[in-house]
Amino acid sequence: RHLAAGKSNRQIADELVVSVGTVKTHARHIYEKLSVNNR
């Protein structure tokens, strides 16, 4: 949902109170599950 809102990894991390690395890991899992390569 944050990706869809156009937020950066840093903005997402700040709002979800996680590290940027965690956001990147979630994004990678999302890409894999949706069979895509980018946000």
PDB file of all heavy atoms in Angstrom:
ATOM      1  N   ARG A   1       0.834  -1.214   0.000  1.00  0.00           N
ATOM      2  CA  ARG A   1       0.000   0.000   0.000  1.00  0.00           C
ATOM      3  C   ARG A   1       0.866   1.259   0.000  1.00  0.00           C
ATOM      4  O   ARG A   1       0.564   2.235  -0.684  1.00  0.00           O
ATOM      5  CB  ARG A   1      -0.943  -0.006   1.206  1.00  0.00           C
ATOM      6  CG  ARG A   1      -2.073  -0.984   1.060  1.00  0.00           C
ATOM      7  CD  ARG A   1      -3.068  -0.896   2.241  1.00  0.00           C
ATOM      8  NE  ARG A   1      -3.857  -2.108   2.277  1.00  0.00           N
ATOM      9  CZ  ARG A   1      -3.652  -3.126   3.107  1.00  0.00           C
ATOM     10  NH1 ARG A   1      -2.687  -3.081   4.004  1.00  0.00           N
ATOM     11  NH2 ARG A   1      -4.418  -4.199   3.051  1.00  0.00           N
ATOM     12  N   HIS A   2       1.954   1.217   0.764  1.00  0.00           N
ATOM     13  CA  HIS A   2       2.873   2.364   0.786  1.00  0.00           C
ATOM     14  C   HIS A   2       3.584   2.512  -0.561  1.00  0.00           C
ATOM     15  O   HIS A   2       3.795   3.636  -1.030  1.00  0.00           O
ATOM     16  CB  HIS A   2       3.891   2.216   1.919  1.00  0.00           C
ATOM     17  CG  HIS A   2       3.311   2.470   3.276  1.00  0.00           C
ATOM     18  ND1 HIS A   2       2.949   3.714   3.720  1.00  0.00           N
ATOM     19  CD2 HIS A   2       3.028   1.618   4.293  1.00  0.00           C
ATOM     20  CE1 HIS A   2       2.481   3.630   4.950  1.00  0.00           C
ATOM     21  NE2 HIS A   2       2.508   2.355   5.322  1.00  0.00           N
ATOM     22  N   LEU A   3       3.952   1.397  -1.168  1.00  0.00           N
ATOM     23  CA  LEU A   3       4.562   1.451  -2.503  1.00  0.00           C
ATOM     24  C   LEU A   3       3.593   2.088  -3.492  1.00  0.00           C
ATOM     25  O   LEU A   3       3.982   2.924  -4.305  1.00  0.00           O
ATOM     26  CB  LEU A   3       4.948   0.047  -2.985  1.00  0.00           C
ATOM     27  CG  LEU A   3       6.046  -0.690  -2.234  1.00  0.00           C
ATOM     28  CD1 LEU A   3       6.204  -2.106  -2.777  1.00  0.00           C
ATOM     29  CD2 LEU A   3       7.366   0.061  -2.306  1.00  0.00           C
ATOM     30  N   ALA A   4       2.334   1.684  -3.406  1.00  0.00           N
ATOM     31  CA  ALA A   4       1.316   2.220  -4.305  1.00  0.00           C
ATOM     32  C   ALA A   4       1.110   3.715  -4.104  1.00  0.00           C
ATOM     33  O   ALA A   4       0.744   4.432  -5.039  1.00  0.00           O
ATOM     34  CB  ALA A   4      -0.004   1.476  -4.103  1.00  0.00           C
ATOM     35  N   ALA A   5       1.370   4.187  -2.880  1.00  0.00           N
ATOM     36  CA  ALA A   5       1.249   5.617  -2.580  1.00  0.00           C
ATOM     37  C   ALA A   5       2.474   6.397  -3.043  1.00  0.00           C
ATOM     38  O   ALA A   5       2.533   7.620  -2.881  1.00  0.00           O
ATOM     39  CB  ALA A   5       1.014   5.819  -1.092  1.00  0.00           C
ATOM     40  N   GLY A   6       3.459   5.696  -3.607  1.00  0.00           N
ATOM     41  CA  GLY A   6       4.645   6.369  -4.138  1.00  0.00           C
ATOM     42  C   GLY A   6       5.691   6.721  -3.099  1.00  0.00           C
ATOM     43  O   GLY A   6       6.569   7.549  -3.350  1.00  0.00           O
ATOM     44  N   LYS A   7       5.629   6.101  -1.953  1.00  0.00           N
ATOM     45  CA  LYS A   7       6.581   6.420  -0.886  1.00  0.00           C
ATOM     46  C   LYS A   7       7.915   5.716  -1.106  1.00  0.00           C
ATOM     47  O   LYS A   7       7.979   4.630  -1.664  1.00  0.00           O
ATOM     48  CB  LYS A   7       6.003   6.022   0.467  1.00  0.00           C
ATOM     49  CG  LYS A   7       4.761   6.827   0.810  1.00  0.00           C
ATOM     50  CD  LYS A   7       4.182   6.448   2.127  1.00  0.00           C
ATOM     51  CE  LYS A   7       2.930   7.281   2.385  1.00  0.00           C
ATOM     52  NZ  LYS A   7       2.235   6.835   3.583  1.00  0.00           N
ATOM     53  N   SER A   8       8.969   6.356  -0.649  1.00  0.00           N
ATOM     54  CA  SER A   8      10.315   5.776  -0.734  1.00  0.00           C
ATOM     55  C   SER A   8      10.484   4.707   0.338  1.00  0.00           C
ATOM     56  O   SER A   8       9.699   4.630   1.296  1.00  0.00           O
ATOM     57  CB  SER A   8      11.367   6.866  -0.515  1.00  0.00           C
ATOM     58  OG  SER A   8      11.344   7.303   0.842  1.00  0.00           O
ATOM     59  N   ASN A   9      11.522   3.906   0.188  1.00  0.00           N
ATOM     60  CA  ASN A   9      11.815   2.890   1.203  1.00  0.00           C
ATOM     61  C   ASN A   9      12.023   3.536   2.572  1.00  0.00           C
ATOM     62  O   ASN A   9      11.570   3.010   3.587  1.00  0.00           O
ATOM     63  CB  ASN A   9      13.045   2.061   0.813  1.00  0.00           C
ATOM     64  CG  ASN A   9      12.763   1.139  -0.341  1.00  0.00           C
ATOM     65  OD1 ASN A   9      11.612   0.847  -0.673  1.00  0.00           O
ATOM     66  ND2 ASN A   9      13.812   0.652  -0.980  1.00  0.00           N
ATOM     67  N   ARG A  10      12.708   4.642   2.607  1.00  0.00           N
ATOM     68  CA  ARG A  10      12.961   5.350   3.870  1.00  0.00           C
ATOM     69  C   ARG A  10      11.641   5.802   4.492  1.00  0.00           C
ATOM     70  O   ARG A  10      11.414   5.647   5.693  1.00  0.00           O
ATOM     71  CB  ARG A  10      13.893   6.547   3.634  1.00  0.00           C
ATOM     72  CG  ARG A  10      14.011   7.549   4.778  1.00  0.00           C
ATOM     73  CD  ARG A  10      14.378   7.020   6.148  1.00  0.00           C
ATOM     74  NE  ARG A  10      15.596   6.250   6.186  1.00  0.00           N
ATOM     75  CZ  ARG A  10      15.890   5.351   7.138  1.00  0.00           C
ATOM     76  NH1 ARG A  10      15.052   5.106   8.131  1.00  0.00           N
ATOM     77  NH2 ARG A  10      17.007   4.690   7.102  1.00  0.00           N
ATOM     78  N   GLN A  11      10.740   6.388   3.705  1.00  0.00           N
ATOM     79  CA  GLN A  11       9.451   6.841   4.219  1.00  0.00           C
ATOM     80  C   GLN A  11       8.630   5.668   4.765  1.00  0.00           C
ATOM     81  O   GLN A  11       8.019   5.769   5.828  1.00  0.00           O
ATOM     82  CB  GLN A  11       8.656   7.561   3.128  1.00  0.00           C
ATOM     83  CG  GLN A  11       9.236   8.908   2.733  1.00  0.00           C
ATOM     84  CD  GLN A  11       8.569   9.475   1.490  1.00  0.00           C
ATOM     85  OE1 GLN A  11       8.319   8.754   0.527  1.00  0.00           O
ATOM     86  NE2 GLN A  11       8.284  10.769   1.523  1.00  0.00           N
ATOM     87  N   ILE A  12       8.649   4.565   4.028  1.00  0.00           N
ATOM     88  CA  ILE A  12       7.913   3.376   4.467  1.00  0.00           C
ATOM     89  C   ILE A  12       8.498   2.868   5.785  1.00  0.00           C
ATOM     90  O   ILE A  12       7.766   2.570   6.727  1.00  0.00           O
ATOM     91  CB  ILE A  12       7.943   2.272   3.387  1.00  0.00           C
ATOM     92  CG1 ILE A  12       7.232   2.751   2.120  1.00  0.00           C
ATOM     93  CG2 ILE A  12       7.308   0.994   3.909  1.00  0.00           C
ATOM     94  CD1 ILE A  12       7.446   1.842   0.901  1.00  0.00           C
ATOM     95  N   ALA A  13       9.822   2.793   5.841  1.00  0.00           N
ATOM     96  CA  ALA A  13      10.491   2.322   7.055  1.00  0.00           C
ATOM     97  C   ALA A  13      10.126   3.198   8.250  1.00  0.00           C
ATOM     98  O   ALA A  13       9.813   2.681   9.334  1.00  0.00           O
ATOM     99  CB  ALA A  13      12.000   2.300   6.848  1.00  0.00           C
ATOM    100  N   ASP A  14      10.153   4.498   8.061  1.00  0.00           N
ATOM    101  CA  ASP A  14       9.826   5.414   9.153  1.00  0.00           C
ATOM    102  C   ASP A  14       8.383   5.236   9.622  1.00  0.00           C
ATOM    103  O   ASP A  14       8.112   5.221  10.822  1.00  0.00           O
ATOM    104  CB  ASP A  14      10.057   6.871   8.731  1.00  0.00           C
ATOM    105  CG  ASP A  14      11.530   7.217   8.584  1.00  0.00           C
ATOM    106  OD1 ASP A  14      12.393   6.428   9.054  1.00  0.00           O
ATOM    107  OD2 ASP A  14      11.828   8.271   7.982  1.00  0.00           O
ATOM    108  N   GLU A  15       7.465   5.081   8.679  1.00  0.00           N
ATOM    109  CA  GLU A  15       6.051   4.951   9.045  1.00  0.00           C
ATOM    110  C   GLU A  15       5.732   3.601   9.695  1.00  0.00           C
ATOM    111  O   GLU A  15       4.876   3.520  10.572  1.00  0.00           O
ATOM    112  CB  GLU A  15       5.166   5.184   7.828  1.00  0.00           C
ATOM    113  CG  GLU A  15       5.180   6.639   7.388  1.00  0.00           C
ATOM    114  CD  GLU A  15       4.130   6.966   6.350  1.00  0.00           C
ATOM    115  OE1 GLU A  15       3.028   6.391   6.409  1.00  0.00           O
ATOM    116  OE2 GLU A  15       4.424   7.809   5.490  1.00  0.00           O
ATOM    117  N   LEU A  16       6.424   2.555   9.273  1.00  0.00           N
ATOM    118  CA  LEU A  16       6.165   1.225   9.829  1.00  0.00           C
ATOM    119  C   LEU A  16       7.094   0.888  10.996  1.00  0.00           C
ATOM    120  O   LEU A  16       6.988  -0.185  11.582  1.00  0.00           O
ATOM    121  CB  LEU A  16       6.296   0.157   8.735  1.00  0.00           C
ATOM    122  CG  LEU A  16       5.305   0.269   7.564  1.00  0.00           C
ATOM    123  CD1 LEU A  16       5.541  -0.849   6.561  1.00  0.00           C
ATOM    124  CD2 LEU A  16       3.869   0.255   8.065  1.00  0.00           C
ATOM    125  N   VAL A  17       8.002   1.809  11.295  1.00  0.00           N
ATOM    126  CA  VAL A  17       8.965   1.658  12.384  1.00  0.00           C
ATOM    127  C   VAL A  17       9.773   0.365  12.219  1.00  0.00           C
ATOM    128  O   VAL A  17       9.825  -0.503  13.095  1.00  0.00           O
ATOM    129  CB  VAL A  17       8.278   1.725  13.774  1.00  0.00           C
ATOM    130  CG1 VAL A  17       9.329   1.889  14.864  1.00  0.00           C
ATOM    131  CG2 VAL A  17       7.261   2.855  13.842  1.00  0.00           C
ATOM    132  N   VAL A  18      10.392   0.250  11.049  1.00  0.00           N
ATOM    133  CA  VAL A  18      11.295  -0.855  10.734  1.00  0.00           C
ATOM    134  C   VAL A  18      12.493  -0.277   9.998  1.00  0.00           C
ATOM    135  O   VAL A  18      12.508   0.902   9.646  1.00  0.00           O
ATOM    136  CB  VAL A  18      10.602  -1.942   9.853  1.00  0.00           C
ATOM    137  CG1 VAL A  18       9.443  -2.597  10.595  1.00  0.00           C
ATOM    138  CG2 VAL A  18      10.127  -1.358   8.537  1.00  0.00           C
ATOM    139  N   SER A  19      13.484  -1.096   9.728  1.00  0.00           N
ATOM    140  CA  SER A  19      14.657  -0.615   9.000  1.00  0.00           C
ATOM    141  C   SER A  19      14.371  -0.586   7.496  1.00  0.00           C
ATOM    142  O   SER A  19      13.454  -1.254   7.007  1.00  0.00           O
ATOM    143  CB  SER A  19      15.856  -1.521   9.273  1.00  0.00           C
ATOM    144  OG  SER A  19      15.677  -2.768   8.620  1.00  0.00           O
ATOM    145  N   VAL A  20      15.185   0.178   6.789  1.00  0.00           N
ATOM    146  CA  VAL A  20      15.074   0.218   5.328  1.00  0.00           C
ATOM    147  C   VAL A  20      15.340  -1.177   4.763  1.00  0.00           C
ATOM    148  O   VAL A  20      14.680  -1.605   3.804  1.00  0.00           O
ATOM    149  CB  VAL A  20      16.045   1.265   4.723  1.00  0.00           C
ATOM    150  CG1 VAL A  20      16.083   1.168   3.207  1.00  0.00           C
ATOM    151  CG2 VAL A  20      15.646   2.671   5.154  1.00  0.00           C
ATOM    152  N   GLY A  21      16.266  -1.896   5.369  1.00  0.00           N
ATOM    153  CA  GLY A  21      16.561  -3.261   4.929  1.00  0.00           C
ATOM    154  C   GLY A  21      15.344  -4.172   5.035  1.00  0.00           C
ATOM    155  O   GLY A  21      15.100  -5.016   4.164  1.00  0.00           O
ATOM    156  N   THR A  22      14.574  -3.992   6.086  1.00  0.00           N
ATOM    157  CA  THR A  22      13.350  -4.787   6.263  1.00  0.00           C
ATOM    158  C   THR A  22      12.340  -4.455   5.174  1.00  0.00           C
ATOM    159  O   THR A  22      11.691  -5.346   4.620  1.00  0.00           O
ATOM    160  CB  THR A  22      12.746  -4.554   7.664  1.00  0.00           C
ATOM    161  OG1 THR A  22      13.690  -4.986   8.642  1.00  0.00           O
ATOM    162  CG2 THR A  22      11.439  -5.294   7.849  1.00  0.00           C
ATOM    163  N   VAL A  23      12.212  -3.187   4.845  1.00  0.00           N
ATOM    164  CA  VAL A  23      11.304  -2.776   3.770  1.00  0.00           C
ATOM    165  C   VAL A  23      11.750  -3.415   2.460  1.00  0.00           C
ATOM    166  O   VAL A  23      10.926  -3.945   1.702  1.00  0.00           O
ATOM    167  CB  VAL A  23      11.238  -1.237   3.634  1.00  0.00           C
ATOM    168  CG1 VAL A  23      10.450  -0.826   2.393  1.00  0.00           C
ATOM    169  CG2 VAL A  23      10.634  -0.615   4.887  1.00  0.00           C
ATOM    170  N   LYS A  24      13.048  -3.393   2.197  1.00  0.00           N
ATOM    171  CA  LYS A  24      13.571  -3.992   0.967  1.00  0.00           C
ATOM    172  C   LYS A  24      13.299  -5.492   0.919  1.00  0.00           C
ATOM    173  O   LYS A  24      12.967  -6.035  -0.135  1.00  0.00           O
ATOM    174  CB  LYS A  24      15.072  -3.717   0.829  1.00  0.00           C
ATOM    175  CG  LYS A  24      15.390  -2.270   0.518  1.00  0.00           C
ATOM    176  CD  LYS A  24      16.886  -2.059   0.408  1.00  0.00           C
ATOM    177  CE  LYS A  24      17.236  -0.616   0.123  1.00  0.00           C
ATOM    178  NZ  LYS A  24      18.689  -0.429  -0.015  1.00  0.00           N
ATOM    179  N   THR A  25      13.420  -6.149   2.066  1.00  0.00           N
ATOM    180  CA  THR A  25      13.135  -7.585   2.122  1.00  0.00           C
ATOM    181  C   THR A  25      11.660  -7.847   1.835  1.00  0.00           C
ATOM    182  O   THR A  25      11.318  -8.741   1.042  1.00  0.00           O
ATOM    183  CB  THR A  25      13.525  -8.165   3.492  1.00  0.00           C
ATOM    184  OG1 THR A  25      14.933  -8.002   3.677  1.00  0.00           O
ATOM    185  CG2 THR A  25      13.148  -9.632   3.604  1.00  0.00           C
ATOM    186  N   HIS A  26      10.776  -7.065   2.458  1.00  0.00           N
ATOM    187  CA  HIS A  26       9.343  -7.217   2.191  1.00  0.00           C
ATOM    188  C   HIS A  26       9.057  -6.961   0.706  1.00  0.00           C
ATOM    189  O   HIS A  26       8.290  -7.704   0.081  1.00  0.00           O
ATOM    190  CB  HIS A  26       8.515  -6.260   3.047  1.00  0.00           C
ATOM    191  CG  HIS A  26       8.407  -6.656   4.477  1.00  0.00           C
ATOM    192  ND1 HIS A  26       8.026  -7.916   4.894  1.00  0.00           N
ATOM    193  CD2 HIS A  26       8.603  -5.937   5.614  1.00  0.00           C
ATOM    194  CE1 HIS A  26       8.002  -7.956   6.214  1.00  0.00           C
ATOM    195  NE2 HIS A  26       8.367  -6.766   6.678  1.00  0.00           N
ATOM    196  N   ALA A  27       9.664  -5.926   0.154  1.00  0.00           N
ATOM    197  CA  ALA A  27       9.442  -5.594  -1.259  1.00  0.00           C
ATOM    198  C   ALA A  27       9.900  -6.748  -2.148  1.00  0.00           C
ATOM    199  O   ALA A  27       9.196  -7.131  -3.095  1.00  0.00           O
ATOM    200  CB  ALA A  27      10.167  -4.307  -1.620  1.00  0.00           C
ATOM    201  N   ARG A  28      11.051  -7.319  -1.847  1.00  0.00           N
ATOM    202  CA  ARG A  28      11.548  -8.452  -2.643  1.00  0.00           C
ATOM    203  C   ARG A  28      10.574  -9.624  -2.583  1.00  0.00           C
ATOM    204  O   ARG A  28      10.280 -10.246  -3.606  1.00  0.00           O
ATOM    205  CB  ARG A  28      12.938  -8.878  -2.154  1.00  0.00           C
ATOM    206  CG  ARG A  28      13.586  -9.913  -3.060  1.00  0.00           C
ATOM    207  CD  ARG A  28      14.998 -10.299  -2.625  1.00  0.00           C
ATOM    208  NE  ARG A  28      14.944 -11.107  -1.410  1.00  0.00           N
ATOM    209  CZ  ARG A  28      15.358 -10.717  -0.202  1.00  0.00           C
ATOM    210  NH1 ARG A  28      15.891  -9.523  -0.037  1.00  0.00           N
ATOM    211  NH2 ARG A  28      15.273 -11.523   0.840  1.00  0.00           N
ATOM    212  N   HIS A  29      10.032  -9.904  -1.405  1.00  0.00           N
ATOM    213  CA  HIS A  29       9.053 -10.988  -1.263  1.00  0.00           C
ATOM    214  C   HIS A  29       7.779 -10.680  -2.050  1.00  0.00           C
ATOM    215  O   HIS A  29       7.198 -11.574  -2.675  1.00  0.00           O
ATOM    216  CB  HIS A  29       8.719 -11.231   0.203  1.00  0.00           C
ATOM    217  CG  HIS A  29       9.855 -11.800   0.981  1.00  0.00           C
ATOM    218  ND1 HIS A  29       9.908 -11.750   2.354  1.00  0.00           N
ATOM    219  CD2 HIS A  29      10.993 -12.430   0.597  1.00  0.00           C
ATOM    220  CE1 HIS A  29      11.040 -12.322   2.769  1.00  0.00           C
ATOM    221  NE2 HIS A  29      11.702 -12.738   1.709  1.00  0.00           N
ATOM    222  N   ILE A  30       7.363  -9.424  -2.012  1.00  0.00           N
ATOM    223  CA  ILE A  30       6.184  -9.003  -2.777  1.00  0.00           C
ATOM    224  C   ILE A  30       6.430  -9.231  -4.268  1.00  0.00           C
ATOM    225  O   ILE A  30       5.582  -9.798  -4.968  1.00  0.00           O
ATOM    226  CB  ILE A  30       5.855  -7.517  -2.505  1.00  0.00           C
ATOM    227  CG1 ILE A  30       5.367  -7.341  -1.061  1.00  0.00           C
ATOM    228  CG2 ILE A  30       4.822  -6.997  -3.510  1.00  0.00           C
ATOM    229  CD1 ILE A  30       5.354  -5.896  -0.598  1.00  0.00           C
ATOM    230  N   TYR A  31       7.588  -8.811  -4.756  1.00  0.00           N
ATOM    231  CA  TYR A  31       7.913  -8.970  -6.184  1.00  0.00           C
ATOM    232  C   TYR A  31       7.903 -10.445  -6.571  1.00  0.00           C
ATOM    233  O   TYR A  31       7.377 -10.815  -7.622  1.00  0.00           O
ATOM    234  CB  TYR A  31       9.278  -8.377  -6.523  1.00  0.00           C
ATOM    235  CG  TYR A  31       9.461  -6.902  -6.215  1.00  0.00           C
ATOM    236  CD1 TYR A  31      10.732  -6.352  -6.151  1.00  0.00           C
ATOM    237  CD2 TYR A  31       8.387  -6.052  -5.974  1.00  0.00           C
ATOM    238  CE1 TYR A  31      10.931  -5.013  -5.872  1.00  0.00           C
ATOM    239  CE2 TYR A  31       8.573  -4.710  -5.693  1.00  0.00           C
ATOM    240  CZ  TYR A  31       9.845  -4.196  -5.639  1.00  0.00           C
ATOM    241  OH  TYR A  31      10.039  -2.875  -5.368  1.00  0.00           O
ATOM    242  N   GLU A  32       8.479 -11.274  -5.717  1.00  0.00           N
ATOM    243  CA  GLU A  32       8.525 -12.715  -6.005  1.00  0.00           C
ATOM    244  C   GLU A  32       7.120 -13.301  -6.058  1.00  0.00           C
ATOM    245  O   GLU A  32       6.788 -14.062  -6.973  1.00  0.00           O
ATOM    246  CB  GLU A  32       9.356 -13.444  -4.954  1.00  0.00           C
ATOM    247  CG  GLU A  32      10.844 -13.157  -5.044  1.00  0.00           C
ATOM    248  CD  GLU A  32      11.638 -13.698  -3.862  1.00  0.00           C
ATOM    249  OE1 GLU A  32      11.032 -14.314  -2.943  1.00  0.00           O
ATOM    250  OE2 GLU A  32      12.863 -13.493  -3.840  1.00  0.00           O
ATOM    251  N   LYS A  33       6.296 -12.942  -5.092  1.00  0.00           N
ATOM    252  CA  LYS A  33       4.948 -13.497  -5.028  1.00  0.00           C
ATOM    253  C   LYS A  33       4.063 -13.008  -6.169  1.00  0.00           C
ATOM    254  O   LYS A  33       3.162 -13.719  -6.605  1.00  0.00           O
ATOM    255  CB  LYS A  33       4.312 -13.172  -3.679  1.00  0.00           C
ATOM    256  CG  LYS A  33       4.952 -13.936  -2.525  1.00  0.00           C
ATOM    257  CD  LYS A  33       4.341 -13.558  -1.200  1.00  0.00           C
ATOM    258  CE  LYS A  33       4.994 -14.322  -0.054  1.00  0.00           C
ATOM    259  NZ  LYS A  33       4.361 -13.990   1.246  1.00  0.00           N
ATOM    260  N   LEU A  34       4.317 -11.792  -6.642  1.00  0.00           N
ATOM    261  CA  LEU A  34       3.522 -11.237  -7.740  1.00  0.00           C
ATOM    262  C   LEU A  34       4.166 -11.497  -9.105  1.00  0.00           C
ATOM    263  O   LEU A  34       3.613 -11.107 -10.129  1.00  0.00           O
ATOM    264  CB  LEU A  34       3.322  -9.727  -7.548  1.00  0.00           C
ATOM    265  CG  LEU A  34       2.518  -9.306  -6.309  1.00  0.00           C
ATOM    266  CD1 LEU A  34       2.431  -7.791  -6.231  1.00  0.00           C
ATOM    267  CD2 LEU A  34       1.130  -9.923  -6.326  1.00  0.00           C
ATOM    268  N   SER A  35       5.329 -12.131  -9.096  1.00  0.00           N
ATOM    269  CA  SER A  35       6.072 -12.436 -10.342  1.00  0.00           C
ATOM    270  C   SER A  35       6.384 -11.179 -11.140  1.00  0.00           C
ATOM    271  O   SER A  35       6.113 -11.094 -12.344  1.00  0.00           O
ATOM    272  CB  SER A  35       5.294 -13.432 -11.204  1.00  0.00           C
ATOM    273  OG  SER A  35       5.092 -14.636 -10.513  1.00  0.00           O
ATOM    274  N   VAL A  36       6.947 -10.190 -10.456  1.00  0.00           N
ATOM    275  CA  VAL A  36       7.345  -8.933 -11.090  1.00  0.00           C
ATOM    276  C   VAL A  36       8.776  -8.598 -10.682  1.00  0.00           C
ATOM    277  O   VAL A  36       9.352  -9.268  -9.823  1.00  0.00           O
ATOM    278  CB  VAL A  36       6.389  -7.773 -10.717  1.00  0.00           C
ATOM    279  CG1 VAL A  36       4.967  -8.054 -11.204  1.00  0.00           C
ATOM    280  CG2 VAL A  36       6.401  -7.505  -9.220  1.00  0.00           C
ATOM    281  N   ASN A  37       9.327  -7.542 -11.293  1.00  0.00           N
ATOM    282  CA  ASN A  37      10.718  -7.177 -11.022  1.00  0.00           C
ATOM    283  C   ASN A  37      10.908  -5.818 -10.360  1.00  0.00           C
ATOM    284  O   ASN A  37      12.027  -5.470 -10.008  1.00  0.00           O
ATOM    285  CB  ASN A  37      11.524  -7.189 -12.328  1.00  0.00           C
ATOM    286  CG  ASN A  37      11.594  -8.569 -12.921  1.00  0.00           C
ATOM    287  OD1 ASN A  37      11.819  -9.536 -12.212  1.00  0.00           O
ATOM    288  ND2 ASN A  37      11.388  -8.674 -14.222  1.00  0.00           N
ATOM    289  N   ASN A  38       9.829  -5.036 -10.226  1.00  0.00           N
ATOM    290  CA  ASN A  38       9.992  -3.713  -9.636  1.00  0.00           C
ATOM    291  C   ASN A  38       8.680  -3.225  -9.024  1.00  0.00           C
ATOM    292  O   ASN A  38       7.633  -3.845  -9.195  1.00  0.00           O
ATOM    293  CB  ASN A  38      10.525  -2.705 -10.662  1.00  0.00           C
ATOM    294  CG  ASN A  38       9.598  -2.543 -11.840  1.00  0.00           C
ATOM    295  OD1 ASN A  38       8.415  -2.268 -11.682  1.00  0.00           O
ATOM    296  ND2 ASN A  38      10.123  -2.723 -13.052  1.00  0.00           N
ATOM    297  N   ARG A  39       8.768  -2.119  -8.308  1.00  0.00           N
ATOM    298  CA  ARG A  39       7.597  -1.620  -7.587  1.00  0.00           C
ATOM    299  C   ARG A  39       6.480  -1.167  -8.508  1.00  0.00           C
ATOM    300  O   ARG A  39       5.307  -1.364  -8.182  1.00  0.00           O
ATOM    301  CB  ARG A  39       7.980  -0.531  -6.579  1.00  0.00           C
ATOM    302  CG  ARG A  39       8.504   0.735  -7.163  1.00  0.00           C
ATOM    303  CD  ARG A  39       8.798   1.811  -6.112  1.00  0.00           C
ATOM    304  NE  ARG A  39       9.745   1.333  -5.115  1.00  0.00           N
ATOM    305  CZ  ARG A  39       9.793   1.760  -3.858  1.00  0.00           C
ATOM    306  NH1 ARG A  39       9.011   2.713  -3.437  1.00  0.00           N
ATOM    307  NH2 ARG A  39      10.664   1.270  -3.017  1.00  0.00           N
TER     308      ARG A  39
END
